[in-house]
Amino acid sequence: MADVYDRKKEVKEFDESRIGVKGLSDSGIKTIPQMFIQPPEKISGVASSADCVGIPVIDLSDVHLRDKRAAIVEKIRDAAGNWGFFQVVNHSVPLSVLDEIIGAIKAFHEQPQAAKAEFYARDEHGGVTFSSNHDLFRSEQTSEAATWHDYISVWLSPADVAPPADRIPAMYRRELATWDKHAAEVGDMVAGLLSEGLGLDPKRMKELSLLETRIFGGMFYPYCPQPDLTVGLSDHTDPGVLTILLPNQVWGLQVLHGGKWVDVKPLPGALIFNIGDFLQIVSNGEYKSVQHRVLANSHKEPRISIVHWFDVGNWSDSDEYGPLSELISPEKPARYRRFTKQEYVENFYSKGLDSKSLVEKLKL
């Protein structure tokens, strides 16, 4: 009689090995472990829509010119409301900064396994982490298939969760500090444009501490020998406020638009922004968080994705968030109820990646 598959045992052994999916890929396997095989509905529709050219691209070169800014605000407002994703070019972040952070994260993931293993951990609440599949052991994830990626994460702010500089691996410490400075600046600028798109003061999001928490992710998608059986990252929406993505030139990101998966063509030197669930709620539905996923990498060249998540900070247990009062009127009543920090945190950490679960819970 065939042995009964024990997923929990396989997951535990994989995690304790600390080799990540890169270790599996490097071993030369021809078939992926069963824990990574996705159900058919998760990997359906991999081909993108042939009649769609991709997410909007917005040029920020004239953003500080008063007579040009209004047009840029309108383009961002339209993209955030209809797509939830957009790429920006001429954003002022030096190309050298982009190249160096991608190179540093690639070098970390490609170093010998023993050198990386000392950083392997599953601390999701702060500090520095290197791991594979951050939601591997969450309660509702025990029967879900794992995905084909490893990652680094570093909590950069607020100060009480940020690690001391010497805790950050030297291989990317300097590059991360430089990238974070520029990412915070361009994130603040784009948030200002999004605020103006809602008819608000450009500093409104910052005043509300919506950009206070910054978390860095260094995603690594190695070659997968059976990319038709798994995914690099499951389809999901981001729970926070705003996300910046900086990919290398290996394709893989797809965005759901009009019921079809659209390939995102990474433009050299561009930054990709997407709206999170929190911002959809605060904007009273004017901006949309949108499902996206990453395909398993069929290329020998690894896919690298630098991620900067912006989320609310300075949030006490008694505070509540919901649609901004300035955006509510008899003609446009609140679409979502208010919620607490505990509700927000418990919704995220009680499950694996999913789509709009917080948004759906808060709908009025």
Protein backbone atom coordinates (compact mmCIF):
# COMPACT_ATOMS: atom_id res chain seq x y z
CA MET A 1 0.00 0.00 0.00
CA ALA A 2 1.31 3.46 -0.90
CA ASP A 3 2.49 5.63 1.96
CA VAL A 4 0.06 8.33 3.08
CA TYR A 5 1.43 11.75 2.25
CA ASP A 6 2.30 13.71 5.40
CA ARG A 7 2.44 17.36 4.39
CA LYS A 8 3.24 18.64 7.87
CA LYS A 9 6.28 16.35 8.02
CA GLU A 10 7.51 17.51 4.61
CA VAL A 11 7.04 21.18 5.50
CA LYS A 12 8.87 20.73 8.82
CA GLU A 13 11.80 18.97 7.16
CA PHE A 14 12.02 21.61 4.44
CA ASP A 15 12.01 24.45 6.96
CA GLU A 16 14.56 22.81 9.25
CA SER A 17 16.92 22.22 6.32
CA ARG A 18 17.19 26.02 5.88
CA ILE A 19 18.07 25.55 2.21
CA GLY A 20 15.03 27.37 0.80
CA VAL A 21 13.76 26.77 -2.72
CA LYS A 22 17.09 27.91 -4.10
CA GLY A 23 18.69 24.97 -2.36
CA LEU A 24 16.16 22.65 -3.96
CA SER A 25 16.78 24.23 -7.36
CA ASP A 26 20.55 24.03 -6.99
CA SER A 27 20.34 20.34 -6.09
CA GLY A 28 19.32 19.60 -9.66
CA ILE A 29 15.90 18.12 -8.91
CA LYS A 30 13.71 17.40 -11.93
CA THR A 31 10.41 17.24 -10.02
CA ILE A 32 9.32 19.61 -7.27
CA PRO A 33 8.29 18.31 -3.81
CA GLN A 34 4.59 17.67 -3.38
CA MET A 35 4.22 20.50 -0.86
CA PHE A 36 4.72 23.00 -3.71
CA ILE A 37 2.18 21.54 -6.15
CA GLN A 38 -0.74 23.92 -6.53
CA PRO A 39 -4.37 22.89 -7.12
CA PRO A 40 -5.42 23.36 -10.79
CA GLU A 41 -7.58 26.41 -10.06
CA LYS A 42 -4.55 28.25 -8.65
CA ILE A 43 -2.48 27.88 -11.80
CA SER A 44 -5.22 28.29 -14.38
CA GLY A 45 -5.15 31.11 -16.90
CA VAL A 46 -1.40 31.56 -16.85
CA ALA A 47 -1.46 33.06 -20.35
CA SER A 48 -1.99 36.80 -20.18
CA SER A 49 -4.57 38.77 -22.14
CA ALA A 50 -3.34 39.33 -25.69
CA ASP A 51 -5.37 42.52 -26.10
CA CYS A 52 -3.89 44.35 -23.11
CA VAL A 53 -0.64 46.32 -23.33
CA GLY A 54 0.17 46.36 -19.60
CA ILE A 55 -0.19 48.58 -16.57
CA PRO A 56 -0.11 52.40 -16.98
CA VAL A 57 3.28 54.11 -17.22
CA ILE A 58 3.53 57.62 -15.73
CA ASP A 59 6.38 60.07 -16.35
CA LEU A 60 7.24 62.11 -13.23
CA SER A 61 9.84 64.36 -14.86
CA ASP A 62 7.53 67.43 -14.69
CA VAL A 63 5.99 66.69 -11.29
CA HIS A 64 7.36 69.90 -9.73
CA LEU A 65 6.09 72.16 -12.53
CA ARG A 66 2.80 73.72 -11.47
CA ASP A 67 1.31 73.77 -14.98
CA LYS A 68 2.17 70.07 -15.55
CA ARG A 69 1.47 68.59 -12.11
CA ALA A 70 -2.33 68.51 -12.47
CA ALA A 71 -2.07 66.21 -15.50
CA ILE A 72 0.25 63.85 -13.61
CA VAL A 73 -2.13 63.82 -10.62
CA GLU A 74 -5.01 62.89 -12.94
CA LYS A 75 -3.02 60.04 -14.52
CA ILE A 76 -2.11 58.64 -11.11
CA ARG A 77 -5.67 59.00 -9.85
CA ASP A 78 -7.00 57.15 -12.88
CA ALA A 79 -4.39 54.38 -12.62
CA ALA A 80 -4.95 53.91 -8.87
CA GLY A 81 -8.72 53.79 -9.34
CA ASN A 82 -8.88 51.54 -12.40
CA TRP A 83 -5.76 49.41 -12.21
CA GLY A 84 -4.41 49.62 -8.66
CA PHE A 85 -0.96 49.39 -10.30
CA PHE A 86 1.25 51.76 -12.29
CA GLN A 87 4.89 52.18 -13.27
CA VAL A 88 6.69 55.49 -12.84
CA VAL A 89 9.68 56.66 -14.86
CA ASN A 90 11.92 59.70 -14.34
CA HIS A 91 11.32 59.40 -10.61
CA SER A 92 14.69 60.90 -9.58
CA VAL A 93 16.11 57.78 -7.88
CA PRO A 94 19.57 57.26 -9.42
CA LEU A 95 19.91 54.16 -11.59
CA SER A 96 23.05 53.27 -9.66
CA VAL A 97 20.97 52.96 -6.46
CA LEU A 98 18.53 50.59 -8.20
CA ASP A 99 21.29 48.45 -9.68
CA GLU A 100 23.20 48.23 -6.41
CA ILE A 101 20.29 47.08 -4.26
CA ILE A 102 19.27 44.43 -6.82
CA GLY A 103 22.89 43.29 -7.07
CA ALA A 104 23.35 43.13 -3.30
CA ILE A 105 20.18 41.09 -2.72
CA LYS A 106 21.09 38.73 -5.57
CA ALA A 107 24.55 38.25 -4.06
CA PHE A 108 23.09 37.46 -0.63
CA HIS A 109 20.76 34.77 -2.01
CA GLU A 110 23.49 33.27 -4.19
CA GLN A 111 26.13 32.91 -1.48
CA PRO A 112 26.92 29.42 -0.08
CA GLN A 113 24.06 27.89 1.87
CA ALA A 114 25.98 27.72 5.15
CA ALA A 115 26.59 31.48 5.06
CA LYS A 116 22.88 32.22 4.67
CA ALA A 117 21.63 29.64 7.16
CA GLU A 118 22.66 31.68 10.21
CA PHE A 119 20.10 34.34 9.20
CA TYR A 120 17.27 31.87 8.59
CA ALA A 121 14.32 32.69 10.88
CA ARG A 122 10.55 33.19 10.94
CA ASP A 123 10.23 36.43 12.93
CA GLU A 124 7.44 38.36 11.16
CA HIS A 125 7.11 41.12 13.74
CA GLY A 126 10.35 43.03 13.32
CA GLY A 127 14.08 42.73 12.85
CA VAL A 128 15.87 40.92 10.02
CA THR A 129 14.71 37.67 8.44
CA PHE A 130 15.86 35.32 5.71
CA SER A 131 13.43 32.51 4.98
CA SER A 132 11.19 30.83 2.43
CA ASN A 133 7.39 31.28 2.26
CA HIS A 134 6.69 33.64 5.16
CA ASP A 135 3.21 32.14 5.72
CA LEU A 136 4.29 28.49 5.66
CA PHE A 137 3.10 27.72 9.20
CA ARG A 138 0.11 30.01 9.59
CA SER A 139 -2.95 28.19 10.89
CA GLU A 140 -5.02 28.39 7.72
CA GLN A 141 -2.01 27.65 5.53
CA THR A 142 -1.30 24.13 6.80
CA SER A 143 -3.12 22.51 3.86
CA GLU A 144 -2.12 25.09 1.24
CA ALA A 145 0.65 24.53 -1.26
CA ALA A 146 3.90 26.43 -0.74
CA THR A 147 5.25 28.74 -3.45
CA TRP A 148 8.60 28.85 -5.24
CA HIS A 149 10.47 31.77 -3.65
CA ASP A 150 12.85 32.75 -0.86
CA TYR A 151 13.00 36.19 0.72
CA ILE A 152 14.76 38.65 2.96
CA SER A 153 12.79 41.08 5.11
CA VAL A 154 13.95 44.01 7.22
CA TRP A 155 11.70 46.25 9.32
CA LEU A 156 13.05 49.75 8.74
CA SER A 157 10.66 51.92 10.73
CA PRO A 158 9.31 52.88 13.21
CA ALA A 159 12.44 52.96 15.35
CA ASP A 160 11.15 50.56 18.00
CA VAL A 161 11.00 47.66 15.51
CA ALA A 162 14.01 48.57 13.35
CA PRO A 163 17.09 46.43 14.03
CA PRO A 164 20.49 47.89 14.90
CA ALA A 165 22.52 48.47 11.74
CA ASP A 166 25.02 45.74 12.67
CA ARG A 167 22.19 43.17 12.65
CA ILE A 168 21.69 43.72 8.92
CA PRO A 169 24.01 41.47 6.87
CA ALA A 170 27.02 43.41 5.60
CA MET A 171 26.38 42.10 2.08
CA TYR A 172 23.48 44.52 1.62
CA ARG A 173 23.66 46.87 4.64
CA ARG A 174 25.02 49.94 2.82
CA GLU A 175 22.90 49.39 -0.29
CA LEU A 176 19.73 48.99 1.79
CA ALA A 177 20.35 52.20 3.74
CA THR A 178 20.80 54.15 0.49
CA TRP A 179 17.81 52.52 -1.20
CA ASP A 180 15.57 53.11 1.85
CA LYS A 181 16.38 56.82 1.84
CA HIS A 182 15.40 57.17 -1.81
CA ALA A 183 12.40 54.83 -1.55
CA ALA A 184 11.01 56.83 1.39
CA GLU A 185 11.36 60.05 -0.60
CA VAL A 186 9.74 58.78 -3.79
CA GLY A 187 7.04 57.01 -1.76
CA ASP A 188 6.25 60.28 -0.01
CA MET A 189 6.08 62.08 -3.36
CA VAL A 190 3.72 59.53 -4.93
CA ALA A 191 1.56 59.50 -1.78
CA GLY A 192 1.28 63.28 -2.15
CA LEU A 193 0.07 62.87 -5.73
CA LEU A 194 -2.45 60.24 -4.61
CA SER A 195 -3.70 62.61 -1.89
CA GLU A 196 -4.16 65.38 -4.44
CA GLY A 197 -6.05 62.92 -6.63
CA LEU A 198 -8.58 62.63 -3.81
CA GLY A 199 -8.84 66.42 -3.55
CA LEU A 200 -6.78 66.48 -0.35
CA ASP A 201 -3.64 68.31 0.74
CA PRO A 202 -0.54 66.47 -0.55
CA LYS A 203 0.70 66.00 3.03
CA ARG A 204 -2.54 64.42 4.26
CA MET A 205 -1.34 60.80 4.19
CA LYS A 206 1.84 61.68 6.03
CA GLU A 207 -0.13 63.65 8.65
CA LEU A 208 -2.22 60.53 9.28
CA SER A 209 0.96 58.43 9.73
CA LEU A 210 -0.06 56.24 6.79
CA LEU A 211 3.55 56.01 5.60
CA GLU A 212 5.16 55.62 9.03
CA THR A 213 5.91 51.89 8.87
CA ARG A 214 8.38 50.78 6.20
CA ILE A 215 9.28 47.13 5.58
CA PHE A 216 11.84 45.98 3.04
CA GLY A 217 11.60 42.73 1.12
CA GLY A 218 14.23 41.14 -1.09
CA MET A 219 12.41 38.43 -3.07
CA PHE A 220 14.32 35.71 -4.92
CA TYR A 221 12.65 33.42 -7.47
CA PRO A 222 15.12 30.73 -8.63
CA TYR A 223 14.68 28.44 -11.60
CA CYS A 224 11.79 26.00 -11.15
CA PRO A 225 11.97 22.66 -12.99
CA GLN A 226 8.16 22.36 -13.17
CA PRO A 227 6.80 25.92 -13.47
CA ASP A 228 3.44 24.63 -14.71
CA LEU A 229 2.75 22.96 -11.34
CA THR A 230 3.37 25.82 -8.92
CA VAL A 231 3.65 29.61 -8.65
CA GLY A 232 6.33 31.97 -7.41
CA LEU A 233 3.85 33.83 -5.22
CA SER A 234 0.11 33.18 -4.78
CA ASP A 235 -2.46 35.65 -6.02
CA HIS A 236 -3.16 38.24 -3.34
CA THR A 237 -3.67 41.89 -2.55
CA ASP A 238 -1.29 43.81 -0.30
CA PRO A 239 -2.82 44.57 3.11
CA GLY A 240 -1.00 47.86 3.76
CA VAL A 241 -1.14 51.36 2.30
CA LEU A 242 1.28 51.56 -0.62
CA THR A 243 3.94 49.28 -2.14
CA ILE A 244 6.97 49.98 -4.33
CA LEU A 245 8.31 47.16 -6.49
CA LEU A 246 11.69 47.18 -8.18
CA PRO A 247 12.16 44.02 -10.30
CA ASN A 248 15.11 42.95 -12.38
CA GLN A 249 14.39 42.24 -16.03
CA VAL A 250 13.09 38.69 -15.55
CA TRP A 251 9.34 38.63 -16.16
CA GLY A 252 6.86 36.95 -13.82
CA LEU A 253 4.56 39.52 -12.20
CA GLN A 254 0.92 39.41 -13.32
CA VAL A 255 -1.93 41.77 -12.39
CA LEU A 256 -5.62 40.87 -12.58
CA HIS A 257 -7.47 43.44 -14.70
CA GLY A 258 -10.90 43.06 -16.24
CA GLY A 259 -10.99 39.41 -15.21
CA LYS A 260 -7.75 38.61 -17.09
CA TRP A 261 -4.17 38.20 -15.94
CA VAL A 262 -1.94 40.87 -17.46
CA ASP A 263 1.85 40.47 -17.67
CA VAL A 264 3.79 43.39 -16.23
CA LYS A 265 6.71 44.24 -18.50
CA PRO A 266 9.52 45.54 -16.25
CA LEU A 267 10.88 48.74 -17.78
CA PRO A 268 14.57 49.43 -17.15
CA GLY A 269 14.89 52.03 -14.40
CA ALA A 270 11.15 52.15 -13.65
CA LEU A 271 9.47 51.66 -10.28
CA ILE A 272 6.14 49.85 -9.93
CA PHE A 273 3.59 51.12 -7.38
CA ASN A 274 0.48 49.35 -6.16
CA ILE A 275 -2.38 50.26 -3.86
CA GLY A 276 -2.93 48.26 -0.65
CA ASP A 277 -6.19 47.27 1.05
CA PHE A 278 -5.68 49.90 3.77
CA LEU A 279 -5.57 52.70 1.20
CA GLN A 280 -8.64 51.35 -0.58
CA ILE A 281 -10.56 51.62 2.69
CA VAL A 282 -9.18 55.04 3.68
CA SER A 283 -9.95 56.42 0.20
CA ASN A 284 -13.51 55.08 0.53
CA GLY A 285 -13.01 52.89 -2.51
CA GLU A 286 -11.72 55.63 -4.81
CA TYR A 287 -8.44 53.72 -5.10
CA LYS A 288 -8.39 49.94 -5.55
CA SER A 289 -6.13 47.20 -4.27
CA VAL A 290 -5.83 44.58 -6.99
CA GLN A 291 -4.95 40.91 -7.08
CA HIS A 292 -1.49 40.09 -8.37
CA ARG A 293 0.76 37.05 -8.43
CA VAL A 294 4.19 35.90 -9.56
CA LEU A 295 4.63 32.94 -11.89
CA ALA A 296 7.17 30.25 -11.09
CA ASN A 297 10.43 31.15 -12.79
CA SER A 298 11.15 29.05 -15.91
CA HIS A 299 14.36 30.98 -16.69
CA LYS A 300 17.83 29.99 -15.56
CA GLU A 301 18.41 33.62 -14.53
CA PRO A 302 16.77 34.24 -11.11
CA ARG A 303 14.01 36.79 -10.79
CA ILE A 304 14.80 39.44 -8.16
CA SER A 305 12.14 41.76 -6.78
CA ILE A 306 12.89 44.55 -4.32
CA VAL A 307 9.78 45.45 -2.32
CA HIS A 308 9.11 48.42 -0.04
CA TRP A 309 5.86 48.23 1.91
CA PHE A 310 4.43 51.40 3.47
CA ASP A 311 1.92 50.94 6.27
CA VAL A 312 0.27 52.91 9.05
CA GLY A 313 2.29 53.78 12.17
CA ASN A 314 1.80 55.52 15.52
CA TRP A 315 -1.37 53.48 15.90
CA SER A 316 -2.48 52.91 19.50
CA ASP A 317 -4.85 50.12 20.48
CA SER A 318 -7.69 52.61 20.98
CA ASP A 319 -7.32 54.32 17.59
CA GLU A 320 -9.60 53.48 14.69
CA TYR A 321 -9.26 53.93 10.95
CA GLY A 322 -11.83 53.99 8.20
CA PRO A 323 -12.81 56.11 5.20
CA LEU A 324 -11.56 59.67 5.62
CA SER A 325 -14.32 62.03 6.74
CA GLU A 326 -13.39 64.47 3.94
CA LEU A 327 -14.37 61.83 1.38
CA ILE A 328 -17.78 61.01 2.85
CA SER A 329 -20.93 62.87 1.81
CA PRO A 330 -24.64 62.16 1.28
CA GLU A 331 -23.78 61.50 -2.37
CA LYS A 332 -20.83 59.29 -1.42
CA PRO A 333 -21.58 57.55 1.89
CA ALA A 334 -18.98 55.43 3.67
CA ARG A 335 -18.46 52.06 1.99
CA TYR A 336 -16.54 50.54 4.90
CA ARG A 337 -16.85 50.56 8.67
CA ARG A 338 -14.09 51.70 11.00
CA PHE A 339 -11.67 49.14 12.46
CA THR A 340 -9.03 48.81 15.18
CA LYS A 341 -5.35 47.90 15.14
CA GLN A 342 -6.12 44.52 16.72
CA GLU A 343 -8.61 43.69 13.97
CA TYR A 344 -6.14 44.67 11.27
CA VAL A 345 -3.20 42.73 12.72
CA GLU A 346 -5.23 39.60 13.53
CA ASN A 347 -6.69 39.54 10.02
CA PHE A 348 -3.20 39.50 8.49
CA TYR A 349 -1.41 37.06 10.79
CA SER A 350 -4.22 34.50 11.08
CA LYS A 351 -3.84 33.20 7.52
CA GLY A 352 -1.70 33.00 4.43
CA LEU A 353 -1.72 35.41 1.52
CA ASP A 354 -5.20 36.08 0.22
CA SER A 355 -7.25 38.66 -1.61
CA LYS A 356 -9.08 41.54 0.04
CA SER A 357 -10.17 39.65 3.14
CA LEU A 358 -10.01 42.83 5.25
CA VAL A 359 -11.85 44.87 2.63
CA GLU A 360 -14.60 42.25 2.40
CA LYS A 361 -14.98 42.07 6.21
CA LEU A 362 -15.36 45.84 6.52
CA LYS A 363 -17.85 46.42 3.71
CA LEU A 364 -21.04 48.20 4.73
